[in-house]
PDB file of N, CA and C in Angstrom:
ATOM      1  N   MET A   1    -102.991  84.956 -18.925  1.00  0.00           N
ATOM      2  CA  MET A   1    -101.428  85.216 -18.595  1.00  0.00           C
ATOM      3  C   MET A   1    -100.489  85.349 -19.671  1.00  0.00           C
ATOM      4  N   SER A   2     -99.708  86.515 -19.625  1.00  0.00           N
ATOM      5  CA  SER A   2     -98.901  86.684 -20.995  1.00  0.00           C
ATOM      6  C   SER A   2     -97.097  85.631 -20.574  1.00  0.00           C
ATOM      7  N   ARG A   3     -96.515  85.567 -21.193  1.00  0.00           N
ATOM      8  CA  ARG A   3     -95.556  84.887 -21.183  1.00  0.00           C
ATOM      9  C   ARG A   3     -94.409  85.712 -20.322  1.00  0.00           C
ATOM     10  N   THR A   4     -93.792  84.986 -19.321  1.00  0.00           N
ATOM     11  CA  THR A   4     -93.240  85.994 -18.555  1.00  0.00           C
ATOM     12  C   THR A   4     -92.163  86.783 -18.627  1.00  0.00           C
ATOM     13  N   LEU A   5     -91.147  86.157 -19.985  1.00  0.00           N
ATOM     14  CA  LEU A   5     -90.162  86.763 -20.649  1.00  0.00           C
ATOM     15  C   LEU A   5     -90.532  88.017 -21.265  1.00  0.00           C
ATOM     16  N   GLN A   6     -91.669  88.134 -21.775  1.00  0.00           N
ATOM     17  CA  GLN A   6     -92.098  89.217 -22.814  1.00  0.00           C
ATOM     18  C   GLN A   6     -93.030  90.119 -21.906  1.00  0.00           C
ATOM     19  N   SER A   7     -93.270  89.894 -20.448  1.00  0.00           N
ATOM     20  CA  SER A   7     -93.961  90.712 -19.933  1.00  0.00           C
ATOM     21  C   SER A   7     -93.793  91.951 -19.345  1.00  0.00           C
ATOM     22  N   THR A   8     -94.563  92.985 -19.045  1.00  0.00           N
ATOM     23  CA  THR A   8     -94.418  93.945 -18.577  1.00  0.00           C
ATOM     24  C   THR A   8     -93.685  94.043 -16.932  1.00  0.00           C
ATOM     25  N   ARG A   9     -94.009  93.168 -16.381  1.00  0.00           N
ATOM     26  CA  ARG A   9     -93.692  93.018 -15.047  1.00  0.00           C
ATOM     27  C   ARG A   9     -92.224  92.741 -14.810  1.00  0.00           C
ATOM     28  N   HIS A  10     -91.951  91.456 -16.183  1.00  0.00           N
ATOM     29  CA  HIS A  10     -90.712  90.787 -16.225  1.00  0.00           C
ATOM     30  C   HIS A  10     -89.497  92.046 -16.629  1.00  0.00           C
ATOM     31  N   GLU A  11     -90.050  92.924 -17.328  1.00  0.00           N
ATOM     32  CA  GLU A  11     -89.113  94.099 -17.586  1.00  0.00           C
ATOM     33  C   GLU A  11     -89.081  95.217 -16.708  1.00  0.00           C
ATOM     34  N   THR A  12     -89.944  95.522 -15.890  1.00  0.00           N
ATOM     35  CA  THR A  12     -89.629  96.058 -14.647  1.00  0.00           C
ATOM     36  C   THR A  12     -89.155  95.714 -13.798  1.00  0.00           C
ATOM     37  N   LEU A  13     -88.905  94.153 -13.529  1.00  0.00           N
ATOM     38  CA  LEU A  13     -87.779  93.430 -12.686  1.00  0.00           C
ATOM     39  C   LEU A  13     -86.351  94.162 -13.007  1.00  0.00           C
ATOM     40  N   ARG A  14     -86.547  93.407 -14.560  1.00  0.00           N
ATOM     41  CA  ARG A  14     -85.179  93.321 -15.206  1.00  0.00           C
ATOM     42  C   ARG A  14     -84.549  94.850 -15.187  1.00  0.00           C
ATOM     43  N   LEU A  15     -85.313  95.963 -14.982  1.00  0.00           N
ATOM     44  CA  LEU A  15     -84.827  97.287 -14.981  1.00  0.00           C
ATOM     45  C   LEU A  15     -84.388  97.776 -13.366  1.00  0.00           C
ATOM     46  N   PHE A  16     -85.329  97.105 -12.607  1.00  0.00           N
ATOM     47  CA  PHE A  16     -85.215  97.124 -10.759  1.00  0.00           C
ATOM     48  C   PHE A  16     -83.843  96.685 -11.013  1.00  0.00           C
ATOM     49  N   LEU A  17     -83.252  95.214 -11.216  1.00  0.00           N
ATOM     50  CA  LEU A  17     -81.973  94.862 -10.671  1.00  0.00           C
ATOM     51  C   LEU A  17     -81.175  95.811 -11.129  1.00  0.00           C
ATOM     52  N   ILE A  18     -80.994  96.108 -12.271  1.00  0.00           N
ATOM     53  CA  ILE A  18     -80.252  96.970 -13.308  1.00  0.00           C
ATOM     54  C   ILE A  18     -79.708  98.478 -12.360  1.00  0.00           C
ATOM     55  N   GLU A  19     -81.135  98.771 -12.104  1.00  0.00           N
ATOM     56  CA  GLU A  19     -81.076  99.833 -11.047  1.00  0.00           C
ATOM     57  C   GLU A  19     -80.146  99.681  -9.750  1.00  0.00           C
ATOM     58  N   LYS A  20     -80.406  98.768  -9.177  1.00  0.00           N
ATOM     59  CA  LYS A  20     -80.276  98.540  -7.985  1.00  0.00           C
ATOM     60  C   LYS A  20     -78.802  98.575  -7.821  1.00  0.00           C
ATOM     61  N   ARG A  21     -78.045  97.721  -8.852  1.00  0.00           N
ATOM     62  CA  ARG A  21     -76.886  96.800  -9.209  1.00  0.00           C
ATOM     63  C   ARG A  21     -76.123  98.514  -9.289  1.00  0.00           C
ATOM     64  N   LYS A  22     -76.181  98.937 -10.024  1.00  0.00           N
ATOM     65  CA  LYS A  22     -75.515 100.523 -10.323  1.00  0.00           C
ATOM     66  C   LYS A  22     -75.649 101.201  -9.312  1.00  0.00           C
ATOM     67  N   LYS A  23     -76.781 101.777  -8.561  1.00  0.00           N
ATOM     68  CA  LYS A  23     -76.885 102.556  -7.444  1.00  0.00           C
ATOM     69  C   LYS A  23     -75.839 101.770  -6.414  1.00  0.00           C
ATOM     70  N   ALA A  24     -75.839 100.863  -6.550  1.00  0.00           N
ATOM     71  CA  ALA A  24     -74.773  99.601  -5.191  1.00  0.00           C
ATOM     72  C   ALA A  24     -73.372 100.217  -5.434  1.00  0.00           C
ATOM     73  N   GLY A  25     -72.996 100.353  -6.898  1.00  0.00           N
ATOM     74  CA  GLY A  25     -71.886 100.573  -7.453  1.00  0.00           C
ATOM     75  C   GLY A  25     -71.335  99.329  -7.687  1.00  0.00           C
ATOM     76  N   LEU A  26     -71.775  97.924  -8.338  1.00  0.00           N
ATOM     77  CA  LEU A  26     -71.352  97.026  -8.060  1.00  0.00           C
ATOM     78  C   LEU A  26     -71.407  96.451 -10.104  1.00  0.00           C
ATOM     79  N   THR A  27     -70.680  95.939 -10.453  1.00  0.00           N
ATOM     80  CA  THR A  27     -70.357  95.712 -11.404  1.00  0.00           C
ATOM     81  C   THR A  27     -71.139  93.975 -11.699  1.00  0.00           C
ATOM     82  N   GLN A  28     -71.540  93.788 -12.841  1.00  0.00           N
ATOM     83  CA  GLN A  28     -72.478  92.240 -12.984  1.00  0.00           C
ATOM     84  C   GLN A  28     -71.252  91.349 -12.310  1.00  0.00           C
ATOM     85  N   ALA A  29     -69.759  91.571 -12.588  1.00  0.00           N
ATOM     86  CA  ALA A  29     -69.171  90.004 -12.519  1.00  0.00           C
ATOM     87  C   ALA A  29     -69.227  90.549 -10.759  1.00  0.00           C
ATOM     88  N   ALA A  30     -69.055  91.560  -9.976  1.00  0.00           N
ATOM     89  CA  ALA A  30     -69.363  91.605  -8.530  1.00  0.00           C
ATOM     90  C   ALA A  30     -70.316  90.990  -7.773  1.00  0.00           C
ATOM     91  N   VAL A  31     -71.728  90.839  -8.723  1.00  0.00           N
ATOM     92  CA  VAL A  31     -72.521  90.404  -8.546  1.00  0.00           C
ATOM     93  C   VAL A  31     -72.828  88.711  -8.813  1.00  0.00           C
ATOM     94  N   ALA A  32     -72.022  88.912  -9.288  1.00  0.00           N
ATOM     95  CA  ALA A  32     -71.715  87.204  -9.976  1.00  0.00           C
ATOM     96  C   ALA A  32     -70.938  86.640  -9.099  1.00  0.00           C
ATOM     97  N   ALA A  33     -69.902  87.231  -8.341  1.00  0.00           N
ATOM     98  CA  ALA A  33     -68.963  86.549  -7.736  1.00  0.00           C
ATOM     99  C   ALA A  33     -69.842  86.219  -6.288  1.00  0.00           C
ATOM    100  N   LYS A  34     -70.661  87.540  -5.844  1.00  0.00           N
ATOM    101  CA  LYS A  34     -71.439  87.106  -4.808  1.00  0.00           C
ATOM    102  C   LYS A  34     -72.421  86.143  -4.637  1.00  0.00           C
ATOM    103  N   LEU A  35     -73.099  85.510  -5.842  1.00  0.00           N
ATOM    104  CA  LEU A  35     -74.117  84.988  -6.448  1.00  0.00           C
ATOM    105  C   LEU A  35     -73.515  83.541  -6.578  1.00  0.00           C
ATOM    106  N   LYS A  36     -71.783  83.380  -6.519  1.00  0.00           N
ATOM    107  CA  LYS A  36     -71.113  82.258  -7.144  1.00  0.00           C
ATOM    108  C   LYS A  36     -71.503  81.644  -8.312  1.00  0.00           C
ATOM    109  N   ARG A  37     -72.024  82.645  -9.343  1.00  0.00           N
ATOM    110  CA  ARG A  37     -72.228  82.694 -10.733  1.00  0.00           C
ATOM    111  C   ARG A  37     -71.162  83.017 -11.804  1.00  0.00           C
ATOM    112  N   TYR A  38     -71.630  82.677 -12.765  1.00  0.00           N
ATOM    113  CA  TYR A  38     -70.849  83.549 -13.980  1.00  0.00           C
ATOM    114  C   TYR A  38     -71.463  85.062 -14.330  1.00  0.00           C
ATOM    115  N   GLN A  39     -70.461  85.716 -14.319  1.00  0.00           N
ATOM    116  CA  GLN A  39     -70.728  86.942 -15.108  1.00  0.00           C
ATOM    117  C   GLN A  39     -71.801  87.025 -16.162  1.00  0.00           C
ATOM    118  N   SER A  40     -72.019  85.984 -17.094  1.00  0.00           N
ATOM    119  CA  SER A  40     -72.896  85.928 -18.051  1.00  0.00           C
ATOM    120  C   SER A  40     -74.762  85.499 -17.325  1.00  0.00           C
ATOM    121  N   PHE A  41     -74.271  84.682 -16.654  1.00  0.00           N
ATOM    122  CA  PHE A  41     -75.655  84.560 -15.550  1.00  0.00           C
ATOM    123  C   PHE A  41     -76.351  85.926 -15.134  1.00  0.00           C
ATOM    124  N   VAL A  42     -75.406  87.089 -14.695  1.00  0.00           N
ATOM    125  CA  VAL A  42     -76.181  87.834 -14.550  1.00  0.00           C
ATOM    126  C   VAL A  42     -76.602  89.049 -15.756  1.00  0.00           C
ATOM    127  N   ALA A  43     -76.009  88.700 -16.497  1.00  0.00           N
ATOM    128  CA  ALA A  43     -75.909  89.364 -18.091  1.00  0.00           C
ATOM    129  C   ALA A  43     -77.402  89.103 -18.618  1.00  0.00           C
ATOM    130  N   SER A  44     -77.160  87.526 -18.429  1.00  0.00           N
ATOM    131  CA  SER A  44     -78.397  87.130 -19.335  1.00  0.00           C
ATOM    132  C   SER A  44     -79.635  87.387 -18.307  1.00  0.00           C
ATOM    133  N   ILE A  45     -79.756  87.546 -16.905  1.00  0.00           N
ATOM    134  CA  ILE A  45     -80.925  88.079 -16.402  1.00  0.00           C
ATOM    135  C   ILE A  45     -81.458  89.588 -16.595  1.00  0.00           C
ATOM    136  N   GLU A  46     -79.975  90.167 -17.058  1.00  0.00           N
ATOM    137  CA  GLU A  46     -80.316  92.219 -17.066  1.00  0.00           C
ATOM    138  C   GLU A  46     -80.887  92.339 -18.238  1.00  0.00           C
ATOM    139  N   THR A  47     -80.357  91.123 -19.785  1.00  0.00           N
ATOM    140  CA  THR A  47     -80.849  91.333 -20.971  1.00  0.00           C
ATOM    141  C   THR A  47     -82.106  91.180 -21.310  1.00  0.00           C
ATOM    142  N   GLY A  48     -82.731  90.301 -20.007  1.00  0.00           N
ATOM    143  CA  GLY A  48     -83.911  89.797 -20.371  1.00  0.00           C
ATOM    144  C   GLY A  48     -83.992  88.094 -20.881  1.00  0.00           C
ATOM    145  N   GLN A  49     -82.724  87.628 -21.014  1.00  0.00           N
ATOM    146  CA  GLN A  49     -83.033  86.185 -21.622  1.00  0.00           C
ATOM    147  C   GLN A  49     -83.544  85.212 -20.657  1.00  0.00           C
ATOM    148  N   ARG A  50     -83.555  85.569 -19.361  1.00  0.00           N
ATOM    149  CA  ARG A  50     -83.937  84.641 -18.159  1.00  0.00           C
ATOM    150  C   ARG A  50     -84.584  84.684 -17.243  1.00  0.00           C
ATOM    151  N   LYS A  51     -85.097  84.233 -16.680  1.00  0.00           N
ATOM    152  CA  LYS A  51     -86.321  84.751 -15.870  1.00  0.00           C
ATOM    153  C   LYS A  51     -85.454  84.643 -14.317  1.00  0.00           C
ATOM    154  N   VAL A  52     -86.335  85.119 -13.660  1.00  0.00           N
ATOM    155  CA  VAL A  52     -85.762  85.115 -11.952  1.00  0.00           C
ATOM    156  C   VAL A  52     -87.064  84.407 -11.158  1.00  0.00           C
ATOM    157  N   ASP A  53     -86.363  83.709 -10.578  1.00  0.00           N
ATOM    158  CA  ASP A  53     -87.354  82.969  -9.579  1.00  0.00           C
ATOM    159  C   ASP A  53     -87.274  83.982  -8.187  1.00  0.00           C
ATOM    160  N   ALA A  54     -88.186  83.403  -7.169  1.00  0.00           N
ATOM    161  CA  ALA A  54     -88.324  83.921  -6.275  1.00  0.00           C
ATOM    162  C   ALA A  54     -87.412  83.816  -5.347  1.00  0.00           C
ATOM    163  N   VAL A  55     -86.623  82.587  -5.559  1.00  0.00           N
ATOM    164  CA  VAL A  55     -84.964  82.214  -4.955  1.00  0.00           C
ATOM    165  C   VAL A  55     -84.177  82.937  -5.118  1.00  0.00           C
ATOM    166  N   GLN A  56     -84.027  83.371  -6.476  1.00  0.00           N
ATOM    167  CA  GLN A  56     -83.032  84.190  -6.880  1.00  0.00           C
ATOM    168  C   GLN A  56     -82.701  85.332  -7.002  1.00  0.00           C
ATOM    169  N   LEU A  57     -84.554  86.196  -6.718  1.00  0.00           N
ATOM    170  CA  LEU A  57     -84.731  87.566  -6.703  1.00  0.00           C
ATOM    171  C   LEU A  57     -83.938  87.964  -4.908  1.00  0.00           C
ATOM    172  N   ILE A  58     -84.286  86.683  -3.940  1.00  0.00           N
ATOM    173  CA  ILE A  58     -83.724  86.918  -2.707  1.00  0.00           C
ATOM    174  C   ILE A  58     -82.740  87.227  -2.602  1.00  0.00           C
ATOM    175  N   ALA A  59     -81.564  86.098  -3.513  1.00  0.00           N
ATOM    176  CA  ALA A  59     -80.108  86.287  -3.900  1.00  0.00           C
ATOM    177  C   ALA A  59     -79.872  87.360  -4.144  1.00  0.00           C
ATOM    178  N   PHE A  60     -80.452  87.934  -5.097  1.00  0.00           N
ATOM    179  CA  PHE A  60     -79.638  89.017  -5.511  1.00  0.00           C
ATOM    180  C   PHE A  60     -80.302  89.988  -4.528  1.00  0.00           C
ATOM    181  N   ALA A  61     -81.064  90.275  -4.274  1.00  0.00           N
ATOM    182  CA  ALA A  61     -81.511  91.492  -2.932  1.00  0.00           C
ATOM    183  C   ALA A  61     -80.423  91.423  -1.884  1.00  0.00           C
ATOM    184  N   GLU A  62     -79.825  89.684  -1.362  1.00  0.00           N
ATOM    185  CA  GLU A  62     -78.743  89.705  -0.282  1.00  0.00           C
ATOM    186  C   GLU A  62     -77.429  90.320  -1.089  1.00  0.00           C
ATOM    187  N   ALA A  63     -77.255  90.243  -2.335  1.00  0.00           N
ATOM    188  CA  ALA A  63     -75.681  90.290  -3.161  1.00  0.00           C
ATOM    189  C   ALA A  63     -75.713  92.115  -3.228  1.00  0.00           C
ATOM    190  N   ILE A  64     -76.702  92.728  -3.585  1.00  0.00           N
ATOM    191  CA  ILE A  64     -76.603  93.690  -3.647  1.00  0.00           C
ATOM    192  C   ILE A  64     -76.808  94.735  -2.977  1.00  0.00           C
ATOM    193  N   GLY A  65     -78.036  94.477  -2.040  1.00  0.00           N
ATOM    194  CA  GLY A  65     -78.384  95.111  -0.598  1.00  0.00           C
ATOM    195  C   GLY A  65     -79.334  95.863  -0.771  1.00  0.00           C
ATOM    196  N   PHE A  66     -80.626  95.512  -1.263  1.00  0.00           N
ATOM    197  CA  PHE A  66     -82.152  95.701  -1.164  1.00  0.00           C
ATOM    198  C   PHE A  66     -82.863  94.831  -0.954  1.00  0.00           C
ATOM    199  N   ASP A  67     -84.112  95.368  -0.567  1.00  0.00           N
ATOM    200  CA  ASP A  67     -85.244  94.571   0.190  1.00  0.00           C
ATOM    201  C   ASP A  67     -85.731  94.099  -0.655  1.00  0.00           C
ATOM    202  N   PRO A  68     -86.028  92.619  -0.972  1.00  0.00           N
ATOM    203  CA  PRO A  68     -87.109  92.384  -2.334  1.00  0.00           C
ATOM    204  C   PRO A  68     -88.166  92.185  -2.272  1.00  0.00           C
ATOM    205  N   ARG A  69     -88.902  93.125  -0.902  1.00  0.00           N
ATOM    206  CA  ARG A  69     -90.469  93.252  -1.141  1.00  0.00           C
ATOM    207  C   ARG A  69     -90.015  94.372  -2.012  1.00  0.00           C
ATOM    208  N   GLU A  70     -89.633  95.689  -2.049  1.00  0.00           N
ATOM    209  CA  GLU A  70     -89.284  96.560  -3.108  1.00  0.00           C
ATOM    210  C   GLU A  70     -89.883  96.033  -4.448  1.00  0.00           C
ATOM    211  N   ALA A  71     -88.712  95.326  -4.971  1.00  0.00           N
ATOM    212  CA  ALA A  71     -89.028  94.806  -6.443  1.00  0.00           C
ATOM    213  C   ALA A  71     -90.496  94.471  -6.433  1.00  0.00           C
ATOM    214  N   ILE A  72     -90.758  93.686  -5.609  1.00  0.00           N
ATOM    215  CA  ILE A  72     -92.117  92.934  -5.809  1.00  0.00           C
ATOM    216  C   ILE A  72     -93.500  94.495  -6.131  1.00  0.00           C
ATOM    217  N   LYS A  73     -93.192  95.081  -5.038  1.00  0.00           N
ATOM    218  CA  LYS A  73     -94.056  96.245  -4.924  1.00  0.00           C
ATOM    219  C   LYS A  73     -93.962  96.842  -6.309  1.00  0.00           C
ATOM    220  N   ARG A  74     -93.022  97.244  -6.846  1.00  0.00           N
ATOM    221  CA  ARG A  74     -92.554  97.684  -8.132  1.00  0.00           C
ATOM    222  C   ARG A  74     -93.254  97.072  -8.788  1.00  0.00           C
ATOM    223  N   MET A  75     -93.172  95.598  -9.223  1.00  0.00           N
ATOM    224  CA  MET A  75     -93.842  94.883  -9.985  1.00  0.00           C
ATOM    225  C   MET A  75     -95.321  94.911 -10.265  1.00  0.00           C
ATOM    226  N   MET A  76     -95.619  94.993  -8.985  1.00  0.00           N
ATOM    227  CA  MET A  76     -97.002  94.461  -8.586  1.00  0.00           C
ATOM    228  C   MET A  76     -97.769  96.180  -9.049  1.00  0.00           C
ATOM    229  N   ALA A  77     -96.560  96.950  -9.007  1.00  0.00           N
ATOM    230  CA  ALA A  77     -97.445  98.628  -9.559  1.00  0.00           C
ATOM    231  C   ALA A  77     -97.592  98.576 -10.990  1.00  0.00           C
ATOM    232  N   SER A  78     -96.824  97.746 -11.978  1.00  0.00           N
ATOM    233  CA  SER A  78     -96.365  97.853 -13.395  1.00  0.00           C
ATOM    234  C   SER A  78     -97.940  96.749 -13.682  1.00  0.00           C
ATOM    235  N   LYS A  79     -98.244  97.729 -14.959  1.00  0.00           N
ATOM    236  CA  LYS A  79     -99.810  96.719 -15.258  1.00  0.00           C
ATOM    237  C   LYS A  79     -99.246  95.825 -16.572  1.00  0.00           C
ATOM    238  N   ASP A  80     -99.493  94.414 -16.304  1.00  0.00           N
ATOM    239  CA  ASP A  80     -98.710  93.959 -16.837  1.00  0.00           C
ATOM    240  C   ASP A  80     -99.576  93.951 -18.236  1.00  0.00           C
ATOM    241  N   ASP A  81     -99.286  93.297 -19.385  1.00  0.00           N
ATOM    242  CA  ASP A  81     -99.926  93.053 -20.499  1.00  0.00           C
ATOM    243  C   ASP A  81    -101.255  91.780 -20.467  1.00  0.00           C
TER     244      ASP A  81
END
């Protein structure tokens, strides 16, 4: 198993979160406010500096408005290094 932050699946999740946030018309600051976190927290996830655990993925899904299973399916379809 490769390191998570450098994995293809982590990159897939990172890009998925950015895509969903932008499609929802939300800024990083708006998502952060819904998560009760700072904008820099969302930025660090979107730039790949921070991992996303399962609980955080669900929180992002609720804040942005998507089904977290969609993110998992996309990661599973992505061949990992």
